[in-house]
């Protein structure tokens, strides 16, 4: 009888472990910090190619649609791991004609930001060579105009100016 009790005590944890929920796969997290300044200033309209794979010695193609509201639009690329690239080069001939490119690390990725010149609407393109590995990313950009907000009449208006009180006429008679 005692041996049955011991066997059942030893078998109970094994039986209960089969009922316990399986651990979920670990969530991917950045190993490098992402700062708030890296997330501020994005354009309200920014559509980019989802996954751009940069391979050494090859040119990866990407598309970007951005609204010209003064904000940037960015494409994330990374080395295996993921890990950011050390730096990006933009040759003079590959620079955008109507905007600016900024290449920088954001967490475990390298983000290629494009900011169109104010007032520009149309197409633009640029190419960035990422190091190490000499992989290139060629980006075709479509810049769309954004509607300016309508002028709003305030609900409260200033009162009309009060009339200026005139001075009473000075007494010109003299005493005698």
C-alpha atoms as a PDB file:
ATOM      1  CA  UNK A   1       0.000   0.000   0.000  1.00  0.00           C
ATOM      2  CA  UNK A   2       2.798   2.367   0.884  1.00  0.00           C
ATOM      3  CA  UNK A   3       4.609   1.722  -2.378  1.00  0.00           C
ATOM      4  CA  UNK A   4       1.446   2.619  -4.303  1.00  0.00           C
ATOM      5  CA  UNK A   5       1.230   5.926  -2.420  1.00  0.00           C
ATOM      6  CA  UNK A   6       4.860   6.735  -3.193  1.00  0.00           C
ATOM      7  CA  UNK A   7       4.453   5.891  -6.868  1.00  0.00           C
ATOM      8  CA  UNK A   8       1.315   8.025  -7.128  1.00  0.00           C
ATOM      9  CA  UNK A   9       3.099  10.953  -5.436  1.00  0.00           C
ATOM     10  CA  UNK A  10       5.936  10.692  -7.919  1.00  0.00           C
ATOM     11  CA  UNK A  11       3.583  10.331 -10.910  1.00  0.00           C
ATOM     12  CA  UNK A  12       1.338  13.257  -9.920  1.00  0.00           C
ATOM     13  CA  UNK A  13       3.770  16.077 -10.986  1.00  0.00           C
ATOM     14  CA  UNK A  14       4.387  14.357 -14.311  1.00  0.00           C
ATOM     15  CA  UNK A  15       0.649  14.046 -14.955  1.00  0.00           C
ATOM     16  CA  UNK A  16       0.003  17.670 -13.960  1.00  0.00           C
ATOM     17  CA  UNK A  17       2.835  19.000 -16.124  1.00  0.00           C
ATOM     18  CA  UNK A  18       1.041  17.635 -19.193  1.00  0.00           C
ATOM     19  CA  UNK A  19      -1.944  19.862 -18.322  1.00  0.00           C
ATOM     20  CA  UNK A  20       0.041  23.051 -17.815  1.00  0.00           C
ATOM     21  CA  UNK A  21      -0.020  25.638 -20.640  1.00  0.00           C
ATOM     22  CA  UNK A  22       2.908  25.547 -23.034  1.00  0.00           C
ATOM     23  CA  UNK A  23       5.214  28.572 -22.870  1.00  0.00           C
ATOM     24  CA  UNK A  24       4.707  30.997 -25.744  1.00  0.00           C
ATOM     25  CA  UNK A  25       7.438  31.780 -28.209  1.00  0.00           C
ATOM     26  CA  UNK A  26       9.566  34.700 -27.035  1.00  0.00           C
ATOM     27  CA  UNK A  27       8.566  38.071 -28.414  1.00  0.00           C
ATOM     28  CA  UNK A  28      11.206  39.741 -30.578  1.00  0.00           C
ATOM     29  CA  UNK A  29      12.594  42.751 -28.771  1.00  0.00           C
ATOM     30  CA  UNK A  30      15.160  45.318 -29.710  1.00  0.00           C
ATOM     31  CA  UNK A  31      18.477  44.664 -28.057  1.00  0.00           C
ATOM     32  CA  UNK A  32      19.560  48.245 -28.771  1.00  0.00           C
ATOM     33  CA  UNK A  33      17.660  51.272 -27.435  1.00  0.00           C
ATOM     34  CA  UNK A  34      15.024  53.163 -29.420  1.00  0.00           C
ATOM     35  CA  UNK A  35      14.749  56.816 -28.388  1.00  0.00           C
ATOM     36  CA  UNK A  36      11.610  58.976 -28.534  1.00  0.00           C
ATOM     37  CA  UNK A  37      13.320  61.446 -30.869  1.00  0.00           C
ATOM     38  CA  UNK A  38      13.662  58.610 -33.416  1.00  0.00           C
ATOM     39  CA  UNK A  39       9.884  58.247 -33.553  1.00  0.00           C
ATOM     40  CA  UNK A  40       8.859  61.925 -33.688  1.00  0.00           C
ATOM     41  CA  UNK A  41       8.226  63.920 -36.855  1.00  0.00           C
ATOM     42  CA  UNK A  42       6.917  61.239 -39.207  1.00  0.00           C
ATOM     43  CA  UNK A  43       4.706  62.257 -42.120  1.00  0.00           C
ATOM     44  CA  UNK A  44       1.017  61.465 -41.666  1.00  0.00           C
ATOM     45  CA  UNK A  45       1.015  59.659 -45.026  1.00  0.00           C
ATOM     46  CA  UNK A  46       3.906  57.188 -45.286  1.00  0.00           C
ATOM     47  CA  UNK A  47       3.597  53.897 -47.157  1.00  0.00           C
ATOM     48  CA  UNK A  48       6.733  51.820 -47.778  1.00  0.00           C
ATOM     49  CA  UNK A  49       7.749  48.367 -49.004  1.00  0.00           C
ATOM     50  CA  UNK A  50       7.207  45.976 -46.088  1.00  0.00           C
ATOM     51  CA  UNK A  51      10.370  43.891 -46.106  1.00  0.00           C
ATOM     52  CA  UNK A  52      13.501  45.024 -47.898  1.00  0.00           C
ATOM     53  CA  UNK A  53      16.230  42.368 -47.931  1.00  0.00           C
ATOM     54  CA  UNK A  54      19.691  43.832 -48.444  1.00  0.00           C
ATOM     55  CA  UNK A  55      22.199  41.311 -49.803  1.00  0.00           C
ATOM     56  CA  UNK A  56      25.926  41.995 -50.276  1.00  0.00           C
ATOM     57  CA  UNK A  57      26.723  43.235 -53.770  1.00  0.00           C
ATOM     58  CA  UNK A  58      23.043  43.333 -54.828  1.00  0.00           C
ATOM     59  CA  UNK A  59      20.551  46.174 -55.317  1.00  0.00           C
ATOM     60  CA  UNK A  60      17.269  45.861 -53.404  1.00  0.00           C
ATOM     61  CA  UNK A  61      14.293  47.806 -54.786  1.00  0.00           C
ATOM     62  CA  UNK A  62      11.852  49.644 -52.533  1.00  0.00           C
ATOM     63  CA  UNK A  63       8.920  52.016 -53.022  1.00  0.00           C
ATOM     64  CA  UNK A  64       7.761  54.850 -50.829  1.00  0.00           C
ATOM     65  CA  UNK A  65       4.688  57.103 -50.906  1.00  0.00           C
ATOM     66  CA  UNK A  66       4.859  60.146 -48.654  1.00  0.00           C
ATOM     67  CA  UNK A  67       2.613  63.141 -48.054  1.00  0.00           C
ATOM     68  CA  UNK A  68       4.410  66.473 -48.176  1.00  0.00           C
ATOM     69  CA  UNK A  69       3.451  67.795 -44.754  1.00  0.00           C
ATOM     70  CA  UNK A  70       7.017  68.467 -43.571  1.00  0.00           C
ATOM     71  CA  UNK A  71       7.559  65.023 -42.009  1.00  0.00           C
ATOM     72  CA  UNK A  72       9.879  62.145 -42.912  1.00  0.00           C
ATOM     73  CA  UNK A  73       9.059  58.692 -44.220  1.00  0.00           C
ATOM     74  CA  UNK A  74      11.408  55.804 -43.370  1.00  0.00           C
ATOM     75  CA  UNK A  75      12.323  52.311 -44.545  1.00  0.00           C
ATOM     76  CA  UNK A  76      13.777  49.827 -42.030  1.00  0.00           C
ATOM     77  CA  UNK A  77      16.590  47.528 -43.160  1.00  0.00           C
ATOM     78  CA  UNK A  78      18.906  45.285 -41.137  1.00  0.00           C
ATOM     79  CA  UNK A  79      21.696  42.769 -41.286  1.00  0.00           C
ATOM     80  CA  UNK A  80      21.127  39.210 -40.073  1.00  0.00           C
ATOM     81  CA  UNK A  81      20.340  39.069 -36.408  1.00  0.00           C
ATOM     82  CA  UNK A  82      18.761  41.710 -36.808  1.00  0.00           C
ATOM     83  CA  UNK A  83      21.536  44.246 -36.414  1.00  0.00           C
ATOM     84  CA  UNK A  84      21.886  47.759 -37.825  1.00  0.00           C
ATOM     85  CA  UNK A  85      24.406  48.554 -40.537  1.00  0.00           C
ATOM     86  CA  UNK A  86      27.411  50.643 -39.503  1.00  0.00           C
ATOM     87  CA  UNK A  87      26.691  53.448 -41.982  1.00  0.00           C
ATOM     88  CA  UNK A  88      25.142  54.306 -45.343  1.00  0.00           C
ATOM     89  CA  UNK A  89      26.636  56.110 -48.334  1.00  0.00           C
ATOM     90  CA  UNK A  90      24.695  58.209 -50.837  1.00  0.00           C
ATOM     91  CA  UNK A  91      26.730  58.998 -53.965  1.00  0.00           C
ATOM     92  CA  UNK A  92      26.301  62.442 -55.514  1.00  0.00           C
ATOM     93  CA  UNK A  93      24.623  60.953 -58.611  1.00  0.00           C
ATOM     94  CA  UNK A  94      22.249  58.888 -56.439  1.00  0.00           C
ATOM     95  CA  UNK A  95      20.969  61.723 -54.234  1.00  0.00           C
ATOM     96  CA  UNK A  96      17.310  62.705 -54.425  1.00  0.00           C
ATOM     97  CA  UNK A  97      16.619  65.769 -56.577  1.00  0.00           C
ATOM     98  CA  UNK A  98      13.733  67.080 -54.458  1.00  0.00           C
ATOM     99  CA  UNK A  99      14.389  66.032 -50.890  1.00  0.00           C
ATOM    100  CA  UNK A 100      16.862  64.926 -48.238  1.00  0.00           C
ATOM    101  CA  UNK A 101      17.984  61.458 -47.083  1.00  0.00           C
ATOM    102  CA  UNK A 102      19.057  60.622 -43.538  1.00  0.00           C
ATOM    103  CA  UNK A 103      20.485  57.157 -42.700  1.00  0.00           C
ATOM    104  CA  UNK A 104      20.686  56.226 -39.006  1.00  0.00           C
ATOM    105  CA  UNK A 105      20.328  53.338 -36.553  1.00  0.00           C
ATOM    106  CA  UNK A 106      17.033  52.954 -34.693  1.00  0.00           C
ATOM    107  CA  UNK A 107      17.182  50.017 -32.311  1.00  0.00           C
ATOM    108  CA  UNK A 108      18.262  46.858 -34.139  1.00  0.00           C
ATOM    109  CA  UNK A 109      17.529  48.362 -37.565  1.00  0.00           C
ATOM    110  CA  UNK A 110      18.945  50.980 -39.897  1.00  0.00           C
ATOM    111  CA  UNK A 111      16.279  53.456 -40.969  1.00  0.00           C
ATOM    112  CA  UNK A 112      16.549  55.316 -44.272  1.00  0.00           C
ATOM    113  CA  UNK A 113      14.488  58.511 -43.924  1.00  0.00           C
ATOM    114  CA  UNK A 114      13.379  60.691 -46.836  1.00  0.00           C
ATOM    115  CA  UNK A 115      12.007  64.201 -46.314  1.00  0.00           C
ATOM    116  CA  UNK A 116      10.637  65.946 -49.434  1.00  0.00           C
ATOM    117  CA  UNK A 117      11.368  69.607 -50.109  1.00  0.00           C
ATOM    118  CA  UNK A 118       8.506  71.858 -48.992  1.00  0.00           C
ATOM    119  CA  UNK A 119       5.911  72.314 -51.714  1.00  0.00           C
ATOM    120  CA  UNK A 120       7.252  69.492 -53.927  1.00  0.00           C
ATOM    121  CA  UNK A 121       4.728  67.075 -55.437  1.00  0.00           C
ATOM    122  CA  UNK A 122       5.812  64.373 -57.897  1.00  0.00           C
ATOM    123  CA  UNK A 123       8.334  61.538 -58.150  1.00  0.00           C
ATOM    124  CA  UNK A 124      11.875  61.290 -56.859  1.00  0.00           C
ATOM    125  CA  UNK A 125      14.435  58.519 -56.340  1.00  0.00           C
ATOM    126  CA  UNK A 126      17.683  57.811 -54.536  1.00  0.00           C
ATOM    127  CA  UNK A 127      20.072  54.952 -53.757  1.00  0.00           C
ATOM    128  CA  UNK A 128      21.906  54.167 -50.508  1.00  0.00           C
ATOM    129  CA  UNK A 129      24.884  51.804 -50.170  1.00  0.00           C
ATOM    130  CA  UNK A 130      24.938  50.188 -46.731  1.00  0.00           C
ATOM    131  CA  UNK A 131      28.182  49.078 -45.054  1.00  0.00           C
ATOM    132  CA  UNK A 132      29.453  46.521 -44.208  1.00  0.00           C
ATOM    133  CA  UNK A 133      28.432  44.279 -47.051  1.00  0.00           C
ATOM    134  CA  UNK A 134      28.082  46.805 -49.879  1.00  0.00           C
ATOM    135  CA  UNK A 135      24.385  46.054 -50.325  1.00  0.00           C
ATOM    136  CA  UNK A 136      22.385  48.829 -51.982  1.00  0.00           C
ATOM    137  CA  UNK A 137      18.791  49.990 -51.623  1.00  0.00           C
ATOM    138  CA  UNK A 138      17.211  51.858 -54.560  1.00  0.00           C
ATOM    139  CA  UNK A 139      14.091  53.751 -53.503  1.00  0.00           C
ATOM    140  CA  UNK A 140      11.418  55.104 -55.863  1.00  0.00           C
ATOM    141  CA  UNK A 141       9.478  57.874 -54.098  1.00  0.00           C
ATOM    142  CA  UNK A 142       6.045  59.322 -54.873  1.00  0.00           C
ATOM    143  CA  UNK A 143       5.348  62.588 -53.061  1.00  0.00           C
ATOM    144  CA  UNK A 144       1.698  63.585 -52.713  1.00  0.00           C
ATOM    145  CA  UNK A 145       0.376  66.991 -51.808  1.00  0.00           C
ATOM    146  CA  UNK A 146      -1.641  67.341 -48.649  1.00  0.00           C
ATOM    147  CA  UNK A 147      -4.667  69.570 -48.260  1.00  0.00           C
ATOM    148  CA  UNK A 148      -4.136  72.611 -46.120  1.00  0.00           C
ATOM    149  CA  UNK A 149      -6.555  72.829 -43.210  1.00  0.00           C
ATOM    150  CA  UNK A 150      -9.488  75.153 -43.814  1.00  0.00           C
ATOM    151  CA  UNK A 151      -9.470  78.499 -42.056  1.00  0.00           C
ATOM    152  CA  UNK A 152     -11.576  78.312 -38.924  1.00  0.00           C
ATOM    153  CA  UNK A 153     -13.631  81.229 -37.665  1.00  0.00           C
ATOM    154  CA  UNK A 154     -13.302  81.470 -33.888  1.00  0.00           C
ATOM    155  CA  UNK A 155     -16.489  80.975 -31.881  1.00  0.00           C
ATOM    156  CA  UNK A 156     -15.669  83.898 -29.621  1.00  0.00           C
ATOM    157  CA  UNK A 157     -15.013  87.271 -31.181  1.00  0.00           C
ATOM    158  CA  UNK A 158     -13.540  90.340 -29.607  1.00  0.00           C
ATOM    159  CA  UNK A 159     -16.037  93.046 -28.622  1.00  0.00           C
ATOM    160  CA  UNK A 160     -16.134  96.147 -30.809  1.00  0.00           C
ATOM    161  CA  UNK A 161     -13.928  98.971 -29.562  1.00  0.00           C
ATOM    162  CA  UNK A 162     -15.587 101.329 -27.112  1.00  0.00           C
ATOM    163  CA  UNK A 163     -16.129 104.896 -28.348  1.00  0.00           C
ATOM    164  CA  UNK A 164     -13.576 107.334 -27.033  1.00  0.00           C
ATOM    165  CA  UNK A 165     -15.147 109.787 -24.610  1.00  0.00           C
ATOM    166  CA  UNK A 166     -14.562 113.365 -25.637  1.00  0.00           C
ATOM    167  CA  UNK A 167     -13.268 115.878 -23.107  1.00  0.00           C
ATOM    168  CA  UNK A 168     -15.753 118.430 -21.940  1.00  0.00           C
ATOM    169  CA  UNK A 169     -15.197 121.815 -23.456  1.00  0.00           C
ATOM    170  CA  UNK A 170     -12.847 123.927 -21.421  1.00  0.00           C
ATOM    171  CA  UNK A 171     -14.380 126.951 -19.684  1.00  0.00           C
ATOM    172  CA  UNK A 172     -13.041 129.976 -21.459  1.00  0.00           C
ATOM    173  CA  UNK A 173     -14.614 132.657 -19.333  1.00  0.00           C
ATOM    174  CA  UNK A 174     -12.489 134.392 -16.757  1.00  0.00           C
ATOM    175  CA  UNK A 175     -13.381 135.552 -13.337  1.00  0.00           C
ATOM    176  CA  UNK A 176     -13.615 139.143 -12.653  1.00  0.00           C
END
